[in-house]
């Protein structure tokens, strides 16, 4: 059986570099602004996410895209967040449309719900309450993903990734991180479930089955079969 070809943008970042070794069921094509060392025979593309010519080449014959490329924290809106997180996400979806890619997984963030009191259990049907401009740009991603799904029939799944940490991270001792942790294996699983699903559009919290979690994962279990194996 031929493996599906998966394009990962922002592959050299903290999340991408951690999960790539776990995505052995795909042929991987990796894109980043920095030069990546080729490992395991993966195809490597180097350049800006706004470069349509580059994206067109990177999307040739791919079955799905996992879009991680972003300025990950609060930064200058005009020079950093807007060009990469907003223009870059739009360019990615528009190029996917032109190239006929039918499945896009967008990395969103749980920070769009940080505005709720910490005692509030948040579900994906509740109004977003961002706490910074970074999380506002991710709300744009969810909205433009819905637009491309409705108008052009692309299957778009938005994953609101929690506090992603590797298993040996010292941050896992923190009580707040324990509520919000997303393990590497669980992120890989929810990405794989999203790729395999027939859902046209969805927004899910990507967190592990943590004892005191404050975000709902029941809809992800029901709609795409997510079954987290980790939790603290």
Protein backbone atom coordinates (compact mmCIF):
# COMPACT_ATOMS: atom_id res chain seq x y z
CA UNK A 1 0.00 0.00 0.00
CA UNK A 2 1.38 3.37 -1.02
CA UNK A 3 1.88 5.86 1.77
CA UNK A 4 0.08 9.19 1.61
CA UNK A 5 2.28 12.19 0.92
CA UNK A 6 2.09 14.82 3.67
CA UNK A 7 3.48 18.35 3.39
CA UNK A 8 4.46 19.94 6.70
CA UNK A 9 5.10 23.69 6.75
CA UNK A 10 7.21 25.12 9.54
CA UNK A 11 8.79 21.68 9.82
CA UNK A 12 11.90 22.96 11.56
CA UNK A 13 10.01 24.46 14.50
CA UNK A 14 9.67 23.03 18.00
CA UNK A 15 6.54 21.02 17.21
CA UNK A 16 7.50 19.91 13.73
CA UNK A 17 10.97 18.70 14.64
CA UNK A 18 9.51 16.68 17.53
CA UNK A 19 6.69 14.91 15.70
CA UNK A 20 8.36 14.24 12.33
CA UNK A 21 10.04 11.02 13.56
CA UNK A 22 6.60 9.78 14.71
CA UNK A 23 4.93 10.26 11.32
CA UNK A 24 6.33 7.11 9.80
CA UNK A 25 3.08 6.19 8.05
CA UNK A 26 3.52 9.05 5.55
CA UNK A 27 5.95 10.12 2.90
CA UNK A 28 6.95 13.51 4.25
CA UNK A 29 7.70 16.70 2.39
CA UNK A 30 9.11 19.37 4.70
CA UNK A 31 9.08 23.14 4.20
CA UNK A 32 10.71 25.80 6.34
CA UNK A 33 12.44 29.15 5.99
CA UNK A 34 15.66 27.68 7.31
CA UNK A 35 17.70 25.01 5.60
CA UNK A 36 16.66 21.64 6.97
CA UNK A 37 18.96 18.67 7.06
CA UNK A 38 17.49 15.87 5.01
CA UNK A 39 16.66 12.89 7.23
CA UNK A 40 14.98 9.56 6.48
CA UNK A 41 14.82 10.51 2.81
CA UNK A 42 12.27 13.29 3.32
CA UNK A 43 11.89 15.87 0.55
CA UNK A 44 13.03 19.32 1.66
CA UNK A 45 11.82 22.73 0.49
CA UNK A 46 13.31 25.98 1.76
CA UNK A 47 11.69 29.40 1.55
CA UNK A 48 8.94 31.80 2.56
CA UNK A 49 5.39 30.52 3.11
CA UNK A 50 4.13 33.46 1.02
CA UNK A 51 6.08 32.35 -2.06
CA UNK A 52 3.36 30.96 -4.35
CA UNK A 53 5.86 29.42 -6.77
CA UNK A 54 7.60 27.59 -3.93
CA UNK A 55 4.29 26.40 -2.46
CA UNK A 56 3.09 25.19 -5.84
CA UNK A 57 6.18 23.01 -6.19
CA UNK A 58 5.91 21.78 -2.61
CA UNK A 59 2.24 20.82 -3.07
CA UNK A 60 2.72 18.75 -6.21
CA UNK A 61 1.07 15.35 -5.70
CA UNK A 62 0.55 15.79 -1.94
CA UNK A 63 -2.46 14.20 -0.29
CA UNK A 64 -2.60 16.50 2.74
CA UNK A 65 -0.96 19.51 4.37
CA UNK A 66 -0.21 20.12 8.04
CA UNK A 67 0.29 23.88 8.30
CA UNK A 68 2.50 24.68 11.29
CA UNK A 69 4.40 27.66 9.88
CA UNK A 70 3.73 30.72 12.03
CA UNK A 71 5.24 33.34 14.26
CA UNK A 72 4.51 31.40 17.45
CA UNK A 73 4.32 34.10 20.10
CA UNK A 74 3.28 37.68 20.57
CA UNK A 75 5.37 39.88 18.29
CA UNK A 76 5.04 42.97 16.14
CA UNK A 77 1.76 42.73 14.26
CA UNK A 78 2.66 44.57 11.05
CA UNK A 79 6.13 43.14 10.44
CA UNK A 80 5.81 39.61 11.90
CA UNK A 81 2.32 38.36 12.73
CA UNK A 82 0.38 39.76 9.79
CA UNK A 83 2.78 38.69 7.00
CA UNK A 84 3.30 35.12 8.21
CA UNK A 85 0.23 34.16 10.24
CA UNK A 86 -2.38 35.94 8.14
CA UNK A 87 -0.97 36.46 4.64
CA UNK A 88 0.93 33.17 4.86
CA UNK A 89 -2.14 31.15 5.86
CA UNK A 90 -4.24 32.74 3.13
CA UNK A 91 -1.51 32.06 0.56
CA UNK A 92 -1.25 28.45 1.66
CA UNK A 93 -5.00 27.82 1.32
CA UNK A 94 -5.27 29.64 -1.99
CA UNK A 95 -2.35 27.68 -3.40
CA UNK A 96 -3.85 24.44 -2.08
CA UNK A 97 -7.04 25.30 -3.94
CA UNK A 98 -5.16 25.94 -7.16
CA UNK A 99 -3.16 22.73 -6.77
CA UNK A 100 -6.19 20.60 -6.01
CA UNK A 101 -5.14 19.60 -2.48
CA UNK A 102 -8.25 18.36 -0.71
CA UNK A 103 -7.10 18.09 2.92
CA UNK A 104 -5.50 20.83 5.05
CA UNK A 105 -4.82 20.63 8.78
CA UNK A 106 -4.32 24.08 10.29
CA UNK A 107 -2.42 24.50 13.55
CA UNK A 108 -4.51 26.82 15.71
CA UNK A 109 -3.95 27.46 19.41
CA UNK A 110 -5.71 27.05 22.73
CA UNK A 111 -4.71 30.64 23.46
CA UNK A 112 -7.89 31.72 21.68
CA UNK A 113 -9.72 30.51 24.81
CA UNK A 114 -7.31 31.92 27.40
CA UNK A 115 -9.72 34.82 28.03
CA UNK A 116 -12.06 32.55 29.98
CA UNK A 117 -11.59 32.14 33.74
CA UNK A 118 -9.34 29.21 34.49
CA UNK A 119 -12.21 27.44 36.22
CA UNK A 120 -14.36 27.47 33.04
CA UNK A 121 -14.56 24.25 31.03
CA UNK A 122 -14.39 25.36 27.39
CA UNK A 123 -15.99 23.63 24.42
CA UNK A 124 -15.37 24.39 20.76
CA UNK A 125 -18.88 25.81 20.29
CA UNK A 126 -18.21 28.60 22.81
CA UNK A 127 -17.21 32.07 21.59
CA UNK A 128 -13.48 32.65 21.19
CA UNK A 129 -11.81 34.86 23.81
CA UNK A 130 -8.24 35.59 22.64
CA UNK A 131 -5.69 37.17 24.94
CA UNK A 132 -3.19 38.54 22.41
CA UNK A 133 -2.79 39.38 18.75
CA UNK A 134 -1.07 36.06 18.06
CA UNK A 135 -4.22 34.20 19.04
CA UNK A 136 -6.28 36.67 17.00
CA UNK A 137 -4.31 35.66 13.90
CA UNK A 138 -5.17 32.03 14.62
CA UNK A 139 -8.87 32.93 14.74
CA UNK A 140 -8.39 34.33 11.24
CA UNK A 141 -6.93 30.97 10.24
CA UNK A 142 -10.00 29.13 11.52
CA UNK A 143 -12.30 31.57 9.71
CA UNK A 144 -10.49 31.50 6.37
CA UNK A 145 -10.32 27.72 6.66
CA UNK A 146 -14.09 27.61 7.00
CA UNK A 147 -14.42 29.86 3.94
CA UNK A 148 -12.21 27.64 1.77
CA UNK A 149 -14.04 24.56 2.98
CA UNK A 150 -17.50 25.97 2.24
CA UNK A 151 -16.65 27.69 -1.03
CA UNK A 152 -14.14 25.29 -2.58
CA UNK A 153 -14.83 21.95 -0.92
CA UNK A 154 -11.42 21.60 0.76
CA UNK A 155 -11.52 19.54 3.96
CA UNK A 156 -10.05 21.84 6.61
CA UNK A 157 -9.48 20.71 10.20
CA UNK A 158 -8.28 23.30 12.72
CA UNK A 159 -6.44 21.94 15.76
CA UNK A 160 -6.26 24.20 18.80
CA UNK A 161 -3.01 22.82 20.12
CA UNK A 162 -2.50 22.97 23.87
CA UNK A 163 0.76 23.22 25.78
CA UNK A 164 2.93 21.01 23.57
CA UNK A 165 5.84 19.54 25.52
CA UNK A 166 7.99 16.47 25.07
CA UNK A 167 7.78 13.68 27.62
CA UNK A 168 10.92 14.68 29.52
CA UNK A 169 10.03 18.38 29.79
CA UNK A 170 10.50 19.96 33.20
CA UNK A 171 7.40 22.05 32.52
CA UNK A 172 5.23 18.96 33.01
CA UNK A 173 5.62 19.47 36.77
CA UNK A 174 3.65 22.72 36.53
CA UNK A 175 -0.02 22.43 37.56
CA UNK A 176 -1.22 24.69 34.74
CA UNK A 177 0.71 22.74 32.12
CA UNK A 178 -0.82 19.53 33.45
CA UNK A 179 -4.27 20.88 32.55
CA UNK A 180 -3.24 21.91 29.05
CA UNK A 181 -0.61 19.40 27.93
CA UNK A 182 -0.59 17.97 24.43
CA UNK A 183 1.82 15.06 24.11
CA UNK A 184 3.75 14.34 20.91
CA UNK A 185 2.02 11.00 20.35
CA UNK A 186 -1.44 12.48 20.90
CA UNK A 187 -0.77 15.34 18.51
CA UNK A 188 0.39 12.87 15.86
CA UNK A 189 -2.73 10.79 16.45
CA UNK A 190 -5.17 13.69 16.12
CA UNK A 191 -3.37 14.85 12.96
CA UNK A 192 -3.65 11.35 11.49
CA UNK A 193 -7.32 11.07 12.49
CA UNK A 194 -7.97 14.46 10.89
CA UNK A 195 -6.30 13.42 7.64
CA UNK A 196 -8.29 10.18 7.50
CA UNK A 197 -11.65 11.74 8.39
CA UNK A 198 -14.36 12.62 5.88
CA UNK A 199 -15.25 15.76 7.82
CA UNK A 200 -15.40 18.85 5.62
CA UNK A 201 -14.61 21.29 8.41
CA UNK A 202 -13.86 20.96 12.10
CA UNK A 203 -12.31 22.75 15.06
CA UNK A 204 -10.91 20.62 17.88
CA UNK A 205 -8.84 21.06 21.01
CA UNK A 206 -5.64 19.05 20.60
CA UNK A 207 -4.77 18.11 24.16
CA UNK A 208 -4.08 14.88 25.96
CA UNK A 209 -6.53 13.21 28.33
CA UNK A 210 -5.28 15.16 31.34
CA UNK A 211 -6.96 14.63 34.71
CA UNK A 212 -7.84 18.29 35.26
CA UNK A 213 -8.09 19.41 31.64
CA UNK A 214 -10.12 22.56 31.03
CA UNK A 215 -10.83 22.08 27.31
CA UNK A 216 -13.27 19.61 25.81
CA UNK A 217 -12.08 16.75 23.60
CA UNK A 218 -15.34 14.79 23.42
CA UNK A 219 -16.27 16.24 20.02
CA UNK A 220 -12.89 15.17 18.62
CA UNK A 221 -13.50 11.67 19.95
CA UNK A 222 -16.98 11.58 18.42
CA UNK A 223 -16.33 13.21 15.05
CA UNK A 224 -12.88 11.98 14.06
CA UNK A 225 -12.22 9.09 16.45
CA UNK A 226 -9.53 10.79 18.54
CA UNK A 227 -8.50 8.51 21.41
CA UNK A 228 -5.65 10.09 23.39
CA UNK A 229 -3.21 7.64 24.92
CA UNK A 230 -1.40 10.11 27.21
CA UNK A 231 -2.47 12.27 30.11
CA UNK A 232 -1.19 13.67 33.41
